[in-house]
Each structure stands twice: as structure tokens, then as C-alpha cells.
N, C-alpha and C. Protein backbone atom coordinates (compact mmCIF):
# COMPACT_ATOMS: atom_id res chain seq x y z
N MET A 1 28.15 35.53 22.28
CA MET A 1 27.04 34.87 22.89
C MET A 1 26.55 33.81 21.91
N LYS A 2 26.33 32.65 22.45
CA LYS A 2 25.82 31.53 21.66
C LYS A 2 24.29 31.52 21.71
N THR A 3 23.73 31.32 20.54
CA THR A 3 22.28 31.15 20.52
C THR A 3 21.98 29.69 20.24
N ALA A 4 21.05 29.19 20.92
CA ALA A 4 20.69 27.78 20.76
C ALA A 4 19.85 27.64 19.50
N ASN A 5 20.26 26.69 18.71
CA ASN A 5 19.47 26.37 17.53
C ASN A 5 18.30 25.50 17.95
N ALA A 6 17.18 26.09 18.01
CA ALA A 6 15.98 25.32 18.36
C ALA A 6 15.47 24.64 17.11
N LYS A 7 15.40 23.34 17.17
CA LYS A 7 14.89 22.59 16.02
C LYS A 7 13.37 22.66 16.02
N LYS A 8 12.87 22.88 14.83
CA LYS A 8 11.42 22.85 14.68
C LYS A 8 10.99 21.39 14.67
N PRO A 9 9.92 21.08 15.38
CA PRO A 9 9.47 19.68 15.37
C PRO A 9 9.01 19.29 13.96
N ASN A 10 9.30 18.06 13.57
CA ASN A 10 8.89 17.55 12.27
C ASN A 10 7.44 17.06 12.38
N LEU A 11 6.55 17.80 11.80
CA LEU A 11 5.12 17.50 11.89
C LEU A 11 4.63 16.56 10.80
N LEU A 12 5.46 16.24 9.84
CA LEU A 12 5.05 15.40 8.73
C LEU A 12 4.54 14.03 9.18
N PRO A 13 5.26 13.31 10.03
CA PRO A 13 4.72 12.01 10.46
C PRO A 13 3.38 12.14 11.18
N LEU A 14 3.25 13.15 11.99
CA LEU A 14 2.00 13.36 12.72
C LEU A 14 0.87 13.70 11.75
N LEU A 15 1.14 14.52 10.76
CA LEU A 15 0.15 14.89 9.76
C LEU A 15 -0.26 13.67 8.93
N LEU A 16 0.68 12.83 8.56
CA LEU A 16 0.37 11.61 7.82
C LEU A 16 -0.50 10.67 8.64
N LEU A 17 -0.16 10.51 9.91
CA LEU A 17 -0.95 9.65 10.80
C LEU A 17 -2.36 10.17 10.95
N PHE A 18 -2.51 11.47 11.12
CA PHE A 18 -3.83 12.07 11.25
C PHE A 18 -4.63 11.88 9.96
N SER A 19 -4.00 12.10 8.80
CA SER A 19 -4.68 11.92 7.51
C SER A 19 -5.14 10.48 7.33
N PHE A 20 -4.30 9.53 7.71
CA PHE A 20 -4.68 8.12 7.60
C PHE A 20 -5.87 7.80 8.50
N ALA A 21 -5.87 8.35 9.71
CA ALA A 21 -6.98 8.11 10.63
C ALA A 21 -8.29 8.67 10.08
N VAL A 22 -8.24 9.86 9.50
CA VAL A 22 -9.44 10.46 8.91
C VAL A 22 -9.92 9.61 7.74
N PHE A 23 -8.99 9.17 6.88
CA PHE A 23 -9.34 8.32 5.75
C PHE A 23 -10.01 7.02 6.22
N LEU A 24 -9.43 6.40 7.24
CA LEU A 24 -9.97 5.15 7.77
C LEU A 24 -11.38 5.35 8.32
N CYS A 25 -11.58 6.42 9.08
CA CYS A 25 -12.91 6.69 9.64
C CYS A 25 -13.95 6.92 8.54
N LEU A 26 -13.57 7.70 7.52
CA LEU A 26 -14.51 7.97 6.43
C LEU A 26 -14.82 6.71 5.63
N SER A 27 -13.81 5.88 5.39
CA SER A 27 -14.06 4.67 4.62
C SER A 27 -14.95 3.70 5.40
N LEU A 28 -14.80 3.63 6.70
CA LEU A 28 -15.67 2.77 7.51
C LEU A 28 -17.09 3.32 7.56
N LEU A 29 -17.19 4.64 7.60
CA LEU A 29 -18.49 5.28 7.69
C LEU A 29 -19.31 5.08 6.42
N PHE A 30 -18.65 5.13 5.25
CA PHE A 30 -19.37 5.07 3.99
C PHE A 30 -19.31 3.73 3.28
N SER A 31 -18.74 2.72 3.89
CA SER A 31 -18.69 1.41 3.25
C SER A 31 -19.86 0.56 3.70
N GLU A 32 -20.25 -0.43 2.87
CA GLU A 32 -21.31 -1.36 3.23
C GLU A 32 -20.81 -2.34 4.26
N PRO A 33 -21.67 -2.75 5.19
CA PRO A 33 -21.27 -3.82 6.10
C PRO A 33 -20.93 -5.07 5.30
N LYS A 34 -20.02 -5.85 5.78
CA LYS A 34 -19.55 -7.03 5.05
C LYS A 34 -20.69 -8.00 4.74
N SER A 35 -21.58 -8.23 5.70
CA SER A 35 -22.65 -9.19 5.45
C SER A 35 -23.58 -8.71 4.35
N LEU A 36 -23.83 -7.41 4.29
CA LEU A 36 -24.70 -6.89 3.25
C LEU A 36 -24.01 -6.95 1.90
N ALA A 37 -22.71 -6.63 1.86
CA ALA A 37 -21.98 -6.69 0.60
C ALA A 37 -21.90 -8.11 0.08
N ALA A 38 -21.83 -9.06 0.98
CA ALA A 38 -21.74 -10.46 0.57
C ALA A 38 -23.10 -11.03 0.18
N GLY A 39 -24.16 -10.27 0.39
CA GLY A 39 -25.49 -10.72 0.00
C GLY A 39 -26.14 -11.64 1.03
N THR A 40 -25.58 -11.70 2.22
CA THR A 40 -26.15 -12.60 3.21
C THR A 40 -27.27 -11.93 4.00
N LYS A 41 -27.32 -10.61 3.97
CA LYS A 41 -28.38 -9.92 4.67
C LYS A 41 -28.80 -8.73 3.82
N LYS A 42 -30.10 -8.59 3.63
CA LYS A 42 -30.59 -7.46 2.85
C LYS A 42 -31.66 -6.76 3.65
N GLU A 43 -31.85 -5.52 3.30
CA GLU A 43 -32.93 -4.75 3.91
C GLU A 43 -33.78 -4.16 2.80
N TYR A 44 -35.06 -4.26 2.97
CA TYR A 44 -36.02 -3.70 2.03
C TYR A 44 -36.85 -2.70 2.81
N LEU A 45 -36.42 -1.44 2.79
CA LEU A 45 -37.03 -0.42 3.63
C LEU A 45 -37.90 0.54 2.82
N ASN A 46 -38.77 1.24 3.54
CA ASN A 46 -39.61 2.30 2.98
C ASN A 46 -40.49 1.83 1.83
N ILE A 47 -41.07 0.67 1.97
CA ILE A 47 -42.03 0.16 0.99
C ILE A 47 -43.41 0.46 1.56
N LYS A 48 -44.01 1.53 1.03
CA LYS A 48 -45.25 2.05 1.62
C LYS A 48 -46.48 1.89 0.74
N THR A 49 -46.28 1.78 -0.57
CA THR A 49 -47.43 1.80 -1.48
C THR A 49 -47.61 0.47 -2.20
N ASN A 50 -48.79 0.32 -2.77
CA ASN A 50 -49.07 -0.88 -3.56
C ASN A 50 -48.12 -0.96 -4.76
N GLU A 51 -47.83 0.16 -5.38
CA GLU A 51 -46.92 0.17 -6.52
C GLU A 51 -45.53 -0.31 -6.11
N GLN A 52 -45.07 0.09 -4.93
CA GLN A 52 -43.76 -0.36 -4.44
C GLN A 52 -43.77 -1.86 -4.14
N ARG A 53 -44.89 -2.37 -3.61
CA ARG A 53 -44.99 -3.81 -3.36
C ARG A 53 -44.98 -4.59 -4.67
N LEU A 54 -45.70 -4.09 -5.68
CA LEU A 54 -45.70 -4.74 -7.00
C LEU A 54 -44.31 -4.70 -7.64
N ALA A 55 -43.59 -3.60 -7.47
CA ALA A 55 -42.23 -3.50 -7.99
C ALA A 55 -41.31 -4.50 -7.29
N LEU A 56 -41.52 -4.68 -5.99
CA LEU A 56 -40.75 -5.66 -5.23
C LEU A 56 -41.00 -7.07 -5.78
N LEU A 57 -42.26 -7.40 -5.97
CA LEU A 57 -42.60 -8.71 -6.53
C LEU A 57 -41.98 -8.89 -7.91
N SER A 58 -42.03 -7.85 -8.71
CA SER A 58 -41.44 -7.90 -10.05
C SER A 58 -39.94 -8.12 -9.99
N SER A 59 -39.29 -7.53 -8.99
CA SER A 59 -37.83 -7.71 -8.85
C SER A 59 -37.48 -9.16 -8.53
N PHE A 60 -38.44 -9.91 -8.00
CA PHE A 60 -38.24 -11.34 -7.73
C PHE A 60 -38.70 -12.21 -8.90
N GLY A 61 -39.12 -11.58 -9.99
CA GLY A 61 -39.56 -12.33 -11.16
C GLY A 61 -41.01 -12.74 -11.10
N ARG A 62 -41.79 -12.11 -10.24
CA ARG A 62 -43.21 -12.45 -10.09
C ARG A 62 -44.09 -11.36 -10.68
N GLU A 63 -44.99 -11.75 -11.56
CA GLU A 63 -46.01 -10.84 -12.07
C GLU A 63 -47.30 -11.15 -11.32
N CYS A 64 -47.96 -10.09 -10.89
CA CYS A 64 -49.17 -10.28 -10.07
C CYS A 64 -50.28 -9.35 -10.51
N GLU A 65 -51.49 -9.70 -10.07
CA GLU A 65 -52.62 -8.79 -10.29
C GLU A 65 -52.32 -7.48 -9.57
N SER A 66 -52.97 -6.41 -10.02
CA SER A 66 -52.60 -5.07 -9.58
C SER A 66 -52.97 -4.70 -8.15
N ALA A 67 -53.78 -5.49 -7.49
CA ALA A 67 -54.16 -5.17 -6.11
C ALA A 67 -54.12 -6.44 -5.26
N PRO A 68 -53.81 -6.30 -3.99
CA PRO A 68 -53.83 -7.49 -3.13
C PRO A 68 -55.25 -8.02 -2.99
N VAL A 69 -55.37 -9.35 -2.90
CA VAL A 69 -56.68 -9.96 -2.69
C VAL A 69 -56.99 -10.09 -1.21
N LYS A 70 -55.96 -9.94 -0.39
CA LYS A 70 -56.16 -10.10 1.05
C LYS A 70 -55.07 -9.33 1.79
N MET A 71 -55.43 -8.73 2.91
CA MET A 71 -54.48 -8.08 3.82
C MET A 71 -54.87 -8.51 5.23
N TYR A 72 -53.90 -8.97 5.99
CA TYR A 72 -54.19 -9.42 7.34
C TYR A 72 -52.93 -9.33 8.20
N GLU A 73 -53.10 -9.55 9.48
CA GLU A 73 -51.96 -9.55 10.41
C GLU A 73 -51.64 -10.97 10.84
N VAL A 74 -50.37 -11.23 11.02
CA VAL A 74 -49.90 -12.53 11.47
C VAL A 74 -48.85 -12.30 12.56
N THR A 75 -48.90 -13.11 13.60
CA THR A 75 -47.92 -12.99 14.68
C THR A 75 -46.87 -14.08 14.52
N VAL A 76 -45.62 -13.66 14.48
CA VAL A 76 -44.51 -14.61 14.38
C VAL A 76 -44.34 -15.25 15.76
N PRO A 77 -44.31 -16.59 15.82
CA PRO A 77 -44.17 -17.23 17.14
C PRO A 77 -42.82 -16.92 17.79
N ARG A 78 -42.82 -16.93 19.11
CA ARG A 78 -41.56 -16.69 19.85
C ARG A 78 -40.60 -17.86 19.68
N GLU A 79 -41.15 -19.06 19.63
CA GLU A 79 -40.34 -20.27 19.43
C GLU A 79 -40.71 -20.87 18.08
N PHE A 80 -39.72 -21.15 17.25
CA PHE A 80 -39.97 -21.73 15.93
C PHE A 80 -40.02 -23.25 16.03
N ASP A 81 -41.15 -23.82 15.57
CA ASP A 81 -41.24 -25.26 15.46
C ASP A 81 -40.61 -25.68 14.12
N LYS A 82 -40.70 -26.95 13.79
CA LYS A 82 -40.10 -27.47 12.55
C LYS A 82 -40.66 -26.76 11.32
N THR A 83 -41.95 -26.52 11.31
CA THR A 83 -42.59 -25.87 10.18
C THR A 83 -42.10 -24.44 10.01
N TYR A 84 -42.04 -23.70 11.10
CA TYR A 84 -41.60 -22.30 11.00
C TYR A 84 -40.11 -22.21 10.67
N LYS A 85 -39.31 -23.17 11.16
CA LYS A 85 -37.89 -23.20 10.79
C LYS A 85 -37.74 -23.41 9.29
N ALA A 86 -38.56 -24.31 8.72
CA ALA A 86 -38.53 -24.55 7.28
C ALA A 86 -39.00 -23.31 6.51
N TYR A 87 -40.04 -22.65 7.04
CA TYR A 87 -40.53 -21.43 6.40
C TYR A 87 -39.45 -20.34 6.43
N ASN A 88 -38.74 -20.25 7.53
CA ASN A 88 -37.68 -19.25 7.64
C ASN A 88 -36.56 -19.54 6.63
N GLU A 89 -36.33 -20.80 6.31
CA GLU A 89 -35.32 -21.15 5.31
C GLU A 89 -35.69 -20.60 3.93
N LEU A 90 -37.00 -20.45 3.66
CA LEU A 90 -37.43 -19.86 2.39
C LEU A 90 -36.99 -18.39 2.27
N GLN A 91 -36.72 -17.77 3.41
CA GLN A 91 -36.36 -16.35 3.41
C GLN A 91 -34.86 -16.14 3.11
N LYS A 92 -34.06 -17.16 3.35
CA LYS A 92 -32.60 -17.03 3.22
C LYS A 92 -32.14 -16.60 1.83
N PRO A 93 -32.70 -17.12 0.71
CA PRO A 93 -32.28 -16.63 -0.60
C PRO A 93 -32.54 -15.14 -0.81
N LEU A 94 -33.48 -14.60 -0.04
CA LEU A 94 -33.79 -13.17 -0.11
C LEU A 94 -32.86 -12.36 0.79
N GLY A 95 -32.03 -13.05 1.56
CA GLY A 95 -31.16 -12.36 2.51
C GLY A 95 -31.89 -11.94 3.76
N LEU A 96 -32.99 -12.63 4.07
CA LEU A 96 -33.83 -12.26 5.22
C LEU A 96 -33.86 -13.36 6.26
N ASP A 97 -34.27 -12.99 7.46
CA ASP A 97 -34.35 -13.94 8.58
C ASP A 97 -35.47 -13.46 9.50
N LEU A 98 -36.52 -14.26 9.62
CA LEU A 98 -37.66 -13.88 10.45
C LEU A 98 -37.41 -14.00 11.94
N SER A 99 -36.31 -14.61 12.33
CA SER A 99 -36.09 -14.82 13.76
C SER A 99 -35.95 -13.51 14.53
N ARG A 100 -35.58 -12.43 13.88
CA ARG A 100 -35.50 -11.15 14.61
C ARG A 100 -36.87 -10.54 14.86
N PHE A 101 -37.92 -11.16 14.31
CA PHE A 101 -39.28 -10.67 14.50
C PHE A 101 -40.13 -11.59 15.37
N ARG A 102 -39.47 -12.46 16.13
CA ARG A 102 -40.20 -13.39 17.01
C ARG A 102 -41.10 -12.62 17.97
N GLY A 103 -42.35 -13.06 18.03
CA GLY A 103 -43.30 -12.44 18.94
C GLY A 103 -43.94 -11.16 18.39
N GLU A 104 -43.53 -10.70 17.22
CA GLU A 104 -44.08 -9.48 16.65
C GLU A 104 -45.24 -9.78 15.71
N THR A 105 -46.12 -8.80 15.57
CA THR A 105 -47.23 -8.91 14.64
C THR A 105 -46.82 -8.22 13.34
N LEU A 106 -46.94 -8.95 12.24
CA LEU A 106 -46.57 -8.45 10.92
C LEU A 106 -47.82 -8.28 10.07
N ARG A 107 -47.72 -7.44 9.07
CA ARG A 107 -48.81 -7.23 8.11
C ARG A 107 -48.51 -8.07 6.88
N CYS A 108 -49.49 -8.81 6.39
CA CYS A 108 -49.32 -9.65 5.21
C CYS A 108 -50.22 -9.14 4.08
N TYR A 109 -49.61 -8.99 2.90
CA TYR A 109 -50.33 -8.62 1.68
C TYR A 109 -50.26 -9.83 0.75
N THR A 110 -51.41 -10.28 0.28
CA THR A 110 -51.48 -11.45 -0.60
C THR A 110 -51.93 -11.02 -1.99
N TYR A 111 -51.14 -11.40 -2.99
CA TYR A 111 -51.41 -11.08 -4.38
C TYR A 111 -51.57 -12.38 -5.17
N VAL A 112 -52.38 -12.33 -6.25
CA VAL A 112 -52.49 -13.46 -7.16
C VAL A 112 -51.34 -13.35 -8.17
N VAL A 113 -50.55 -14.43 -8.27
CA VAL A 113 -49.43 -14.49 -9.21
C VAL A 113 -49.98 -14.90 -10.56
N THR A 114 -49.59 -14.16 -11.60
CA THR A 114 -50.12 -14.43 -12.94
C THR A 114 -49.12 -15.10 -13.86
N ASN A 115 -47.87 -15.26 -13.43
CA ASN A 115 -46.87 -15.87 -14.31
C ASN A 115 -46.25 -17.14 -13.73
N HIS A 116 -46.99 -17.84 -12.89
CA HIS A 116 -46.49 -19.09 -12.32
C HIS A 116 -46.88 -20.24 -13.24
N PRO A 117 -45.97 -21.20 -13.47
CA PRO A 117 -46.26 -22.30 -14.40
C PRO A 117 -47.30 -23.30 -13.90
N ASP A 118 -47.54 -23.36 -12.60
CA ASP A 118 -48.52 -24.32 -12.08
C ASP A 118 -49.94 -23.92 -12.47
N MET A 119 -50.76 -24.93 -12.62
CA MET A 119 -52.17 -24.69 -12.89
C MET A 119 -52.84 -24.30 -11.58
N GLY A 120 -53.91 -23.57 -11.68
CA GLY A 120 -54.62 -23.15 -10.49
C GLY A 120 -54.15 -21.79 -10.01
N THR A 121 -54.75 -21.34 -8.94
CA THR A 121 -54.43 -20.03 -8.40
C THR A 121 -53.20 -20.12 -7.49
N VAL A 122 -52.24 -19.26 -7.75
CA VAL A 122 -51.00 -19.21 -6.97
C VAL A 122 -50.91 -17.82 -6.36
N TYR A 123 -50.50 -17.76 -5.11
CA TYR A 123 -50.44 -16.50 -4.36
C TYR A 123 -49.01 -16.14 -3.97
N ALA A 124 -48.75 -14.83 -3.93
CA ALA A 124 -47.52 -14.30 -3.36
C ALA A 124 -47.91 -13.58 -2.07
N ASN A 125 -47.27 -13.95 -0.98
CA ASN A 125 -47.52 -13.34 0.32
C ASN A 125 -46.31 -12.52 0.72
N LEU A 126 -46.54 -11.25 1.04
CA LEU A 126 -45.47 -10.35 1.47
C LEU A 126 -45.67 -9.97 2.92
N LEU A 127 -44.67 -10.16 3.74
CA LEU A 127 -44.74 -9.84 5.17
C LEU A 127 -43.99 -8.54 5.44
N PHE A 128 -44.63 -7.64 6.20
CA PHE A 128 -44.05 -6.34 6.52
C PHE A 128 -44.08 -6.06 8.01
N SER A 129 -43.01 -5.47 8.47
CA SER A 129 -42.97 -4.86 9.80
C SER A 129 -42.93 -3.36 9.52
N PHE A 130 -44.05 -2.71 9.70
CA PHE A 130 -44.24 -1.31 9.32
C PHE A 130 -43.95 -1.19 7.82
N ASP A 131 -42.95 -0.42 7.40
CA ASP A 131 -42.66 -0.23 5.98
C ASP A 131 -41.47 -1.06 5.52
N GLU A 132 -41.08 -2.05 6.30
CA GLU A 132 -39.94 -2.90 5.96
C GLU A 132 -40.44 -4.27 5.53
N PHE A 133 -40.06 -4.69 4.32
CA PHE A 133 -40.36 -6.04 3.86
C PHE A 133 -39.44 -7.01 4.60
N VAL A 134 -40.02 -8.01 5.26
CA VAL A 134 -39.22 -8.90 6.11
C VAL A 134 -39.31 -10.37 5.70
N GLY A 135 -40.19 -10.71 4.75
CA GLY A 135 -40.30 -12.10 4.34
C GLY A 135 -41.51 -12.32 3.47
N GLY A 136 -41.63 -13.55 3.00
CA GLY A 136 -42.78 -13.90 2.18
C GLY A 136 -42.61 -15.24 1.50
N ASP A 137 -43.59 -15.57 0.68
CA ASP A 137 -43.57 -16.86 0.00
C ASP A 137 -44.50 -16.83 -1.19
N VAL A 138 -44.42 -17.89 -1.98
CA VAL A 138 -45.38 -18.15 -3.05
C VAL A 138 -46.04 -19.47 -2.69
N SER A 139 -47.38 -19.50 -2.73
CA SER A 139 -48.09 -20.70 -2.29
C SER A 139 -49.40 -20.85 -3.05
N SER A 140 -50.00 -22.00 -2.86
CA SER A 140 -51.33 -22.24 -3.41
C SER A 140 -52.14 -23.04 -2.40
N ALA A 141 -53.43 -23.00 -2.58
CA ALA A 141 -54.31 -23.77 -1.72
C ALA A 141 -54.60 -25.14 -2.32
N ALA A 142 -53.94 -25.45 -3.42
CA ALA A 142 -54.15 -26.74 -4.11
C ALA A 142 -53.67 -27.89 -3.23
N PRO A 143 -54.18 -29.08 -3.47
CA PRO A 143 -53.76 -30.25 -2.69
C PRO A 143 -52.26 -30.53 -2.78
N SER A 144 -51.62 -30.07 -3.87
CA SER A 144 -50.17 -30.29 -4.00
C SER A 144 -49.38 -29.54 -2.94
N GLY A 145 -50.02 -28.52 -2.34
CA GLY A 145 -49.39 -27.79 -1.25
C GLY A 145 -48.17 -27.00 -1.65
N LEU A 146 -48.23 -26.29 -2.77
CA LEU A 146 -47.12 -25.48 -3.25
C LEU A 146 -46.70 -24.46 -2.20
N LEU A 147 -45.42 -24.42 -1.90
CA LEU A 147 -44.85 -23.40 -1.01
C LEU A 147 -43.40 -23.22 -1.45
N GLU A 148 -43.07 -22.02 -1.96
CA GLU A 148 -41.72 -21.78 -2.45
C GLU A 148 -41.27 -20.36 -2.17
N CYS A 149 -39.99 -20.13 -2.39
CA CYS A 149 -39.37 -18.83 -2.22
C CYS A 149 -39.99 -17.83 -3.20
N LEU A 150 -39.97 -16.57 -2.81
CA LEU A 150 -40.50 -15.53 -3.70
C LEU A 150 -39.70 -15.37 -4.98
N ILE A 151 -38.42 -15.72 -4.97
CA ILE A 151 -37.60 -15.59 -6.16
C ILE A 151 -38.02 -16.67 -7.16
N ALA A 152 -38.45 -16.21 -8.33
CA ALA A 152 -38.90 -17.16 -9.36
C ALA A 152 -37.72 -17.95 -9.89
N SER A 153 -37.93 -19.25 -10.06
CA SER A 153 -36.88 -20.08 -10.66
C SER A 153 -36.95 -19.92 -12.17
N SER A 154 -35.79 -19.98 -12.80
CA SER A 154 -35.72 -19.75 -14.25
C SER A 154 -36.29 -20.91 -15.02
């Protein structure tokens, strides 16, 4: 009587394919999005306290008085005019874009900057959507009309 030699299926290629798929899924899950890795988009989340806001300002090279001099709400317009488009350009070096907040009301914290080379009082304005820093500027009320990015120039 002849017995049929039943070949066992070769599972190695299937196991390798499965392992590669798991590796690919895990690497996609734990890798940074390309835009964030390239520095084109940043997120500043969970900034809840005055100390965290001061640390944020310090990370941009700005030294400020220990408490905000003003806190208020500002509504981002739904349509950006020339001025708001220019203001939004100030956010780009920070990796931010205010256009995703069109029509929303943001909270603004204003601090006095103590290490700016200009004479007179200079302010740092930080814009927040809840606990997320979404934009800001450095400005003065002087006739020169200072308005610049939060990142201090060297």
C-alpha cells in the first residue's frame, strides 16, 4: 500500500510577510508626521499655568515680567484681510497657522518684555485656544509700530 507523502506547507514566507506588516504598522504608529518632523507644523499643548507661559516665552528667547499685564479675548476673523494675512505670516517661524482658528475666540495673555533692545515698553502677546498655544507676537504701542515674531533675533 502506498502512502501519500503530504507536504507540510512552508509557513516561512507567510510568517515573514506578517512580521513585516506588524513592523510597518508599529513604525507608522510611533513615528512623527512628516510635517512635524520637518518643523513646518508644531503643536504647543497643555500650557495651563503662568509658569508654563513664561517658559514658552523663554524658549523663544524672550524674558518677561513674572505676570501678565493684560488678559483678554480676541476673535479671529473668518476672512483674513491684508493685515491679518501679514499677522499670520508672523506665526510661520513658530510652525503655526491661525487660519484653522477662523471665527474662533482666543484668549490673549500680554506680558512686558524685559530683554528687548528697543527703548520703551515692549509686549509679548500669547494667543491660546483653551490650553493650546496657537500664535502671538511682540509689539509696542510706540509710534514706530513695532510688530515682530515671538522668536527673538540674535
